[in-house]
Structure formats: C-alpha cells, structure tokens
Amino acid sequence: MKKVLIFSFTALLLLFVTMGYSQPPQPPSGAGHGATGNQTGGNAPIGAGTIILLILGATYGGRKVYYYFKDKED
C-alpha cells in the first residue's frame, strides 16, 4: 500500500510540473517612459534559488535514508 501511495504522489507531482514556470514577460510599456527603445517589465529570476533548494532537499533526503538504514541494521 505504501508503494502505491508513493507512486501516486510522484505521478501527481510530475503531472503538475508544468505549472512551475516563472512569469511570462510583461508587455512593453507605452511611449513616454523616458528611455530609448522598448523597455519590457522585469521578470522574477528563479535559477539560483531553485538549484540551492534542490541541493538542500537532496542532502536532507540522503541524510534521512542514511539514518533509516543505519537504524535498521541495529
């Protein structure tokens, strides 16, 4: 039963992974913004933060697995 639950949860996460994209670029501002050329709005950078969270999550998960098997041996 536990394996079915884990598989279902993983499948659900993979289905919703497309919702995690960052914001699309904003439309160009109108004339009179004081700068040369079309200026687009800023986007939210998510590159470095995502990598840090993935590394921390993998470390935490690895630690939990290590202690699980260590306790199982004792």
PDB file of N, CA and C in Angstrom:
ATOM      1  N   MET A   1       0.820  -1.192   0.000  1.00  0.00           N
ATOM      2  CA  MET A   1       0.000   0.000   0.000  1.00  0.00           C
ATOM      3  C   MET A   1       0.866   1.259   0.000  1.00  0.00           C
ATOM      4  N   LYS A   2       1.967   1.193   0.745  1.00  0.00           N
ATOM      5  CA  LYS A   2       2.829   2.359   0.833  1.00  0.00           C
ATOM      6  C   LYS A   2       3.478   2.673  -0.516  1.00  0.00           C
ATOM      7  N   LYS A   3       3.852   1.608  -1.264  1.00  0.00           N
ATOM      8  CA  LYS A   3       4.458   1.819  -2.574  1.00  0.00           C
ATOM      9  C   LYS A   3       3.475   2.449  -3.548  1.00  0.00           C
ATOM     10  N   VAL A   4       2.220   2.063  -3.467  1.00  0.00           N
ATOM     11  CA  VAL A   4       1.193   2.638  -4.341  1.00  0.00           C
ATOM     12  C   VAL A   4       1.000   4.118  -4.012  1.00  0.00           C
ATOM     13  N   LEU A   5       1.021   4.451  -2.741  1.00  0.00           N
ATOM     14  CA  LEU A   5       0.854   5.837  -2.311  1.00  0.00           C
ATOM     15  C   LEU A   5       2.030   6.695  -2.778  1.00  0.00           C
ATOM     16  N   ILE A   6       3.233   6.180  -2.646  1.00  0.00           N
ATOM     17  CA  ILE A   6       4.414   6.919  -3.083  1.00  0.00           C
ATOM     18  C   ILE A   6       4.397   7.093  -4.602  1.00  0.00           C
ATOM     19  N   PHE A   7       4.036   6.037  -5.338  1.00  0.00           N
ATOM     20  CA  PHE A   7       3.958   6.133  -6.789  1.00  0.00           C
ATOM     21  C   PHE A   7       2.909   7.157  -7.214  1.00  0.00           C
ATOM     22  N   SER A   8       1.764   7.150  -6.563  1.00  0.00           N
ATOM     23  CA  SER A   8       0.690   8.091  -6.903  1.00  0.00           C
ATOM     24  C   SER A   8       1.125   9.529  -6.644  1.00  0.00           C
ATOM     25  N   PHE A   9       1.783   9.748  -5.528  1.00  0.00           N
ATOM     26  CA  PHE A   9       2.241  11.093  -5.185  1.00  0.00           C
ATOM     27  C   PHE A   9       3.281  11.577  -6.191  1.00  0.00           C
ATOM     28  N   THR A  10       4.215  10.708  -6.568  1.00  0.00           N
ATOM     29  CA  THR A  10       5.235  11.076  -7.544  1.00  0.00           C
ATOM     30  C   THR A  10       4.607  11.367  -8.903  1.00  0.00           C
ATOM     31  N   ALA A  11       3.675  10.560  -9.328  1.00  0.00           N
ATOM     32  CA  ALA A  11       2.999  10.788 -10.609  1.00  0.00           C
ATOM     33  C   ALA A  11       2.240  12.115 -10.589  1.00  0.00           C
ATOM     34  N   LEU A  12       1.611  12.426  -9.479  1.00  0.00           N
ATOM     35  CA  LEU A  12       0.884  13.683  -9.353  1.00  0.00           C
ATOM     36  C   LEU A  12       1.833  14.874  -9.445  1.00  0.00           C
ATOM     37  N   LEU A  13       2.986  14.778  -8.809  1.00  0.00           N
ATOM     38  CA  LEU A  13       3.957  15.861  -8.891  1.00  0.00           C
ATOM     39  C   LEU A  13       4.469  16.042 -10.318  1.00  0.00           C
ATOM     40  N   LEU A  14       4.699  14.951 -11.017  1.00  0.00           N
ATOM     41  CA  LEU A  14       5.175  15.053 -12.397  1.00  0.00           C
ATOM     42  C   LEU A  14       4.131  15.636 -13.334  1.00  0.00           C
ATOM     43  N   LEU A  15       2.873  15.404 -13.052  1.00  0.00           N
ATOM     44  CA  LEU A  15       1.820  15.974 -13.889  1.00  0.00           C
ATOM     45  C   LEU A  15       1.716  17.484 -13.721  1.00  0.00           C
ATOM     46  N   PHE A  16       1.987  17.971 -12.524  1.00  0.00           N
ATOM     47  CA  PHE A  16       1.840  19.398 -12.254  1.00  0.00           C
ATOM     48  C   PHE A  16       3.135  20.180 -12.381  1.00  0.00           C
ATOM     49  N   VAL A  17       4.184  19.560 -12.910  1.00  0.00           N
ATOM     50  CA  VAL A  17       5.459  20.235 -13.020  1.00  0.00           C
ATOM     51  C   VAL A  17       5.401  21.401 -14.006  1.00  0.00           C
ATOM     52  N   THR A  18       4.515  21.358 -14.970  1.00  0.00           N
ATOM     53  CA  THR A  18       4.433  22.444 -15.947  1.00  0.00           C
ATOM     54  C   THR A  18       3.889  23.727 -15.342  1.00  0.00           C
ATOM     55  N   MET A  19       3.261  23.666 -14.199  1.00  0.00           N
ATOM     56  CA  MET A  19       2.747  24.875 -13.549  1.00  0.00           C
ATOM     57  C   MET A  19       3.850  25.675 -12.859  1.00  0.00           C
ATOM     58  N   GLY A  20       5.040  25.142 -12.774  1.00  0.00           N
ATOM     59  CA  GLY A  20       6.118  25.785 -12.042  1.00  0.00           C
ATOM     60  C   GLY A  20       6.945  26.763 -12.847  1.00  0.00           C
ATOM     61  N   TYR A  21       6.541  27.097 -14.052  1.00  0.00           N
ATOM     62  CA  TYR A  21       7.302  28.051 -14.847  1.00  0.00           C
ATOM     63  C   TYR A  21       7.191  29.451 -14.256  1.00  0.00           C
ATOM     64  N   SER A  22       8.221  30.262 -14.508  1.00  0.00           N
ATOM     65  CA  SER A  22       8.182  31.627 -13.995  1.00  0.00           C
ATOM     66  C   SER A  22       7.215  32.479 -14.820  1.00  0.00           C
ATOM     67  N   GLN A  23       7.087  33.706 -14.452  1.00  0.00           N
ATOM     68  CA  GLN A  23       6.128  34.607 -15.093  1.00  0.00           C
ATOM     69  C   GLN A  23       6.532  34.905 -16.532  1.00  0.00           C
ATOM     70  N   PRO A  24       5.544  35.062 -17.423  1.00  0.00           N
ATOM     71  CA  PRO A  24       5.883  35.477 -18.793  1.00  0.00           C
ATOM     72  C   PRO A  24       6.287  36.950 -18.793  1.00  0.00           C
ATOM     73  N   PRO A  25       7.013  37.408 -19.812  1.00  0.00           N
ATOM     74  CA  PRO A  25       7.406  38.815 -19.848  1.00  0.00           C
ATOM     75  C   PRO A  25       6.189  39.725 -19.959  1.00  0.00           C
ATOM     76  N   GLN A  26       6.295  40.859 -19.345  1.00  0.00           N
ATOM     77  CA  GLN A  26       5.193  41.822 -19.388  1.00  0.00           C
ATOM     78  C   GLN A  26       5.199  42.539 -20.730  1.00  0.00           C
ATOM     79  N   PRO A  27       4.050  43.059 -21.134  1.00  0.00           N
ATOM     80  CA  PRO A  27       4.001  43.784 -22.408  1.00  0.00           C
ATOM     81  C   PRO A  27       4.844  45.052 -22.340  1.00  0.00           C
ATOM     82  N   PRO A  28       5.347  45.510 -23.484  1.00  0.00           N
ATOM     83  CA  PRO A  28       6.161  46.727 -23.480  1.00  0.00           C
ATOM     84  C   PRO A  28       5.360  47.919 -22.969  1.00  0.00           C
ATOM     85  N   SER A  29       6.055  48.797 -22.269  1.00  0.00           N
ATOM     86  CA  SER A  29       5.372  49.982 -21.749  1.00  0.00           C
ATOM     87  C   SER A  29       5.112  50.962 -22.885  1.00  0.00           C
ATOM     88  N   GLY A  30       4.188  51.847 -22.658  1.00  0.00           N
ATOM     89  CA  GLY A  30       3.805  52.813 -23.686  1.00  0.00           C
ATOM     90  C   GLY A  30       4.885  53.860 -23.918  1.00  0.00           C
ATOM     91  N   ALA A  31       4.630  54.728 -24.880  1.00  0.00           N
ATOM     92  CA  ALA A  31       5.586  55.789 -25.195  1.00  0.00           C
ATOM     93  C   ALA A  31       5.668  56.753 -24.020  1.00  0.00           C
ATOM     94  N   GLY A  32       6.789  57.417 -23.900  1.00  0.00           N
ATOM     95  CA  GLY A  32       6.948  58.412 -22.852  1.00  0.00           C
ATOM     96  C   GLY A  32       7.515  57.836 -21.569  1.00  0.00           C
ATOM     97  N   HIS A  33       8.193  56.709 -21.643  1.00  0.00           N
ATOM     98  CA  HIS A  33       8.755  56.137 -20.429  1.00  0.00           C
ATOM     99  C   HIS A  33      10.131  56.700 -20.121  1.00  0.00           C
ATOM    100  N   GLY A  34      10.671  57.527 -20.994  1.00  0.00           N
ATOM    101  CA  GLY A  34      11.917  58.220 -20.710  1.00  0.00           C
ATOM    102  C   GLY A  34      13.172  57.457 -21.100  1.00  0.00           C
ATOM    103  N   ALA A  35      13.056  56.274 -21.651  1.00  0.00           N
ATOM    104  CA  ALA A  35      14.228  55.503 -22.068  1.00  0.00           C
ATOM    105  C   ALA A  35      14.154  55.263 -23.567  1.00  0.00           C
ATOM    106  N   THR A  36      15.290  54.959 -24.163  1.00  0.00           N
ATOM    107  CA  THR A  36      15.300  54.705 -25.602  1.00  0.00           C
ATOM    108  C   THR A  36      14.892  53.268 -25.880  1.00  0.00           C
ATOM    109  N   GLY A  37      14.149  53.061 -26.924  1.00  0.00           N
ATOM    110  CA  GLY A  37      13.728  51.719 -27.309  1.00  0.00           C
ATOM    111  C   GLY A  37      12.602  51.201 -26.423  1.00  0.00           C
ATOM    112  N   ASN A  38      12.105  50.034 -26.767  1.00  0.00           N
ATOM    113  CA  ASN A  38      11.046  49.414 -25.976  1.00  0.00           C
ATOM    114  C   ASN A  38      11.638  48.791 -24.716  1.00  0.00           C
ATOM    115  N   GLN A  39      11.071  49.123 -23.617  1.00  0.00           N
ATOM    116  CA  GLN A  39      11.518  48.575 -22.335  1.00  0.00           C
ATOM    117  C   GLN A  39      10.453  47.599 -21.836  1.00  0.00           C
ATOM    118  N   THR A  40      10.852  46.371 -21.591  1.00  0.00           N
ATOM    119  CA  THR A  40       9.902  45.394 -21.063  1.00  0.00           C
ATOM    120  C   THR A  40      10.018  45.351 -19.544  1.00  0.00           C
ATOM    121  N   GLY A  41       8.977  44.875 -18.930  1.00  0.00           N
ATOM    122  CA  GLY A  41       8.977  44.752 -17.475  1.00  0.00           C
ATOM    123  C   GLY A  41       9.936  43.670 -17.012  1.00  0.00           C
ATOM    124  N   GLY A  42      10.296  43.713 -15.755  1.00  0.00           N
ATOM    125  CA  GLY A  42      11.237  42.732 -15.220  1.00  0.00           C
ATOM    126  C   GLY A  42      10.553  41.405 -14.905  1.00  0.00           C
ATOM    127  N   ASN A  43      11.309  40.341 -14.989  1.00  0.00           N
ATOM    128  CA  ASN A  43      10.817  39.016 -14.639  1.00  0.00           C
ATOM    129  C   ASN A  43      11.470  38.570 -13.338  1.00  0.00           C
ATOM    130  N   ALA A  44      10.888  37.589 -12.723  1.00  0.00           N
ATOM    131  CA  ALA A  44      11.434  37.075 -11.477  1.00  0.00           C
ATOM    132  C   ALA A  44      12.498  36.017 -11.790  1.00  0.00           C
ATOM    133  N   PRO A  45      13.769  36.263 -11.449  1.00  0.00           N
ATOM    134  CA  PRO A  45      14.796  35.248 -11.687  1.00  0.00           C
ATOM    135  C   PRO A  45      14.674  34.131 -10.659  1.00  0.00           C
ATOM    136  N   ILE A  46      14.620  32.882 -11.115  1.00  0.00           N
ATOM    137  CA  ILE A  46      14.447  31.769 -10.178  1.00  0.00           C
ATOM    138  C   ILE A  46      15.544  30.732 -10.316  1.00  0.00           C
ATOM    139  N   GLY A  47      16.566  30.979 -11.134  1.00  0.00           N
ATOM    140  CA  GLY A  47      17.586  29.984 -11.428  1.00  0.00           C
ATOM    141  C   GLY A  47      18.392  29.537 -10.219  1.00  0.00           C
ATOM    142  N   ALA A  48      19.075  30.457  -9.551  1.00  0.00           N
ATOM    143  CA  ALA A  48      19.979  30.093  -8.461  1.00  0.00           C
ATOM    144  C   ALA A  48      19.210  29.569  -7.252  1.00  0.00           C
ATOM    145  N   GLY A  49      18.075  30.148  -6.956  1.00  0.00           N
ATOM    146  CA  GLY A  49      17.292  29.693  -5.805  1.00  0.00           C
ATOM    147  C   GLY A  49      16.786  28.272  -5.967  1.00  0.00           C
ATOM    148  N   THR A  50      16.415  27.918  -7.183  1.00  0.00           N
ATOM    149  CA  THR A  50      15.938  26.561  -7.452  1.00  0.00           C
ATOM    150  C   THR A  50      17.050  25.544  -7.251  1.00  0.00           C
ATOM    151  N   ILE A  51      18.243  25.863  -7.727  1.00  0.00           N
ATOM    152  CA  ILE A  51      19.372  24.953  -7.580  1.00  0.00           C
ATOM    153  C   ILE A  51      19.723  24.764  -6.108  1.00  0.00           C
ATOM    154  N   ILE A  52      19.725  25.837  -5.350  1.00  0.00           N
ATOM    155  CA  ILE A  52      20.026  25.741  -3.917  1.00  0.00           C
ATOM    156  C   ILE A  52      18.998  24.878  -3.210  1.00  0.00           C
ATOM    157  N   LEU A  53      17.723  25.081  -3.512  1.00  0.00           N
ATOM    158  CA  LEU A  53      16.679  24.274  -2.869  1.00  0.00           C
ATOM    159  C   LEU A  53      16.785  22.803  -3.258  1.00  0.00           C
ATOM    160  N   LEU A  54      17.123  22.496  -4.516  1.00  0.00           N
ATOM    161  CA  LEU A  54      17.296  21.109  -4.931  1.00  0.00           C
ATOM    162  C   LEU A  54      18.463  20.440  -4.211  1.00  0.00           C
ATOM    163  N   ILE A  55      19.566  21.155  -4.055  1.00  0.00           N
ATOM    164  CA  ILE A  55      20.723  20.603  -3.351  1.00  0.00           C
ATOM    165  C   ILE A  55      20.389  20.356  -1.882  1.00  0.00           C
ATOM    166  N   LEU A  56      19.739  21.311  -1.250  1.00  0.00           N
ATOM    167  CA  LEU A  56      19.372  21.138   0.154  1.00  0.00           C
ATOM    168  C   LEU A  56      18.374  20.001   0.343  1.00  0.00           C
ATOM    169  N   GLY A  57      17.428  19.866  -0.567  1.00  0.00           N
ATOM    170  CA  GLY A  57      16.453  18.783  -0.483  1.00  0.00           C
ATOM    171  C   GLY A  57      17.095  17.423  -0.681  1.00  0.00           C
ATOM    172  N   ALA A  58      18.030  17.326  -1.624  1.00  0.00           N
ATOM    173  CA  ALA A  58      18.736  16.063  -1.841  1.00  0.00           C
ATOM    174  C   ALA A  58      19.596  15.699  -0.643  1.00  0.00           C
ATOM    175  N   THR A  59      20.233  16.685  -0.036  1.00  0.00           N
ATOM    176  CA  THR A  59      21.046  16.436   1.159  1.00  0.00           C
ATOM    177  C   THR A  59      20.176  15.960   2.305  1.00  0.00           C
ATOM    178  N   TYR A  60      19.059  16.615   2.515  1.00  0.00           N
ATOM    179  CA  TYR A  60      18.154  16.229   3.592  1.00  0.00           C
ATOM    180  C   TYR A  60      17.597  14.823   3.363  1.00  0.00           C
ATOM    181  N   GLY A  61      17.194  14.527   2.132  1.00  0.00           N
ATOM    182  CA  GLY A  61      16.678  13.203   1.812  1.00  0.00           C
ATOM    183  C   GLY A  61      17.737  12.123   1.975  1.00  0.00           C
ATOM    184  N   GLY A  62      18.966  12.414   1.553  1.00  0.00           N
ATOM    185  CA  GLY A  62      20.053  11.456   1.721  1.00  0.00           C
ATOM    186  C   GLY A  62      20.353  11.181   3.175  1.00  0.00           C
ATOM    187  N   ARG A  63      20.295  12.204   3.988  1.00  0.00           N
ATOM    188  CA  ARG A  63      20.522  12.042   5.432  1.00  0.00           C
ATOM    189  C   ARG A  63      19.442  11.169   6.056  1.00  0.00           C
ATOM    190  N   LYS A  64      18.198  11.410   5.661  1.00  0.00           N
ATOM    191  CA  LYS A  64      17.090  10.611   6.200  1.00  0.00           C
ATOM    192  C   LYS A  64      17.227   9.139   5.798  1.00  0.00           C
ATOM    193  N   VAL A  65      17.598   8.878   4.549  1.00  0.00           N
ATOM    194  CA  VAL A  65      17.775   7.499   4.082  1.00  0.00           C
ATOM    195  C   VAL A  65      18.940   6.840   4.818  1.00  0.00           C
ATOM    196  N   TYR A  66      20.035   7.583   4.992  1.00  0.00           N
ATOM    197  CA  TYR A  66      21.204   7.040   5.690  1.00  0.00           C
ATOM    198  C   TYR A  66      20.833   6.613   7.111  1.00  0.00           C
ATOM    199  N   TYR A  67      20.157   7.486   7.849  1.00  0.00           N
ATOM    200  CA  TYR A  67      19.787   7.147   9.226  1.00  0.00           C
ATOM    201  C   TYR A  67      18.717   6.052   9.278  1.00  0.00           C
ATOM    202  N   TYR A  68      17.878   5.977   8.280  1.00  0.00           N
ATOM    203  CA  TYR A  68      16.867   4.897   8.236  1.00  0.00           C
ATOM    204  C   TYR A  68      17.550   3.534   8.140  1.00  0.00           C
ATOM    205  N   PHE A  69      18.505   3.419   7.208  1.00  0.00           N
ATOM    206  CA  PHE A  69      19.182   2.141   7.036  1.00  0.00           C
ATOM    207  C   PHE A  69      20.156   1.852   8.178  1.00  0.00           C
ATOM    208  N   LYS A  70      20.713   2.892   8.763  1.00  0.00           N
ATOM    209  CA  LYS A  70      21.611   2.704   9.913  1.00  0.00           C
ATOM    210  C   LYS A  70      20.839   2.152  11.107  1.00  0.00           C
ATOM    211  N   ASP A  71      19.644   2.690  11.350  1.00  0.00           N
ATOM    212  CA  ASP A  71      18.802   2.203  12.446  1.00  0.00           C
ATOM    213  C   ASP A  71      18.262   0.817  12.160  1.00  0.00           C
ATOM    214  N   LYS A  72      18.032   0.508  10.904  1.00  0.00           N
ATOM    215  CA  LYS A  72      17.509  -0.801  10.528  1.00  0.00           C
ATOM    216  C   LYS A  72      18.538  -1.897  10.772  1.00  0.00           C
ATOM    217  N   GLU A  73      19.834  -1.600  10.611  1.00  0.00           N
ATOM    218  CA  GLU A  73      20.885  -2.560  10.842  1.00  0.00           C
ATOM    219  C   GLU A  73      21.048  -2.881  12.325  1.00  0.00           C
ATOM    220  N   ASP A  74      20.830  -1.900  13.178  1.00  0.00           N
ATOM    221  CA  ASP A  74      20.997  -2.111  14.630  1.00  0.00           C
ATOM    222  C   ASP A  74      19.949  -2.919  15.239  1.00  0.00           C
TER     223      ASP A  74
END
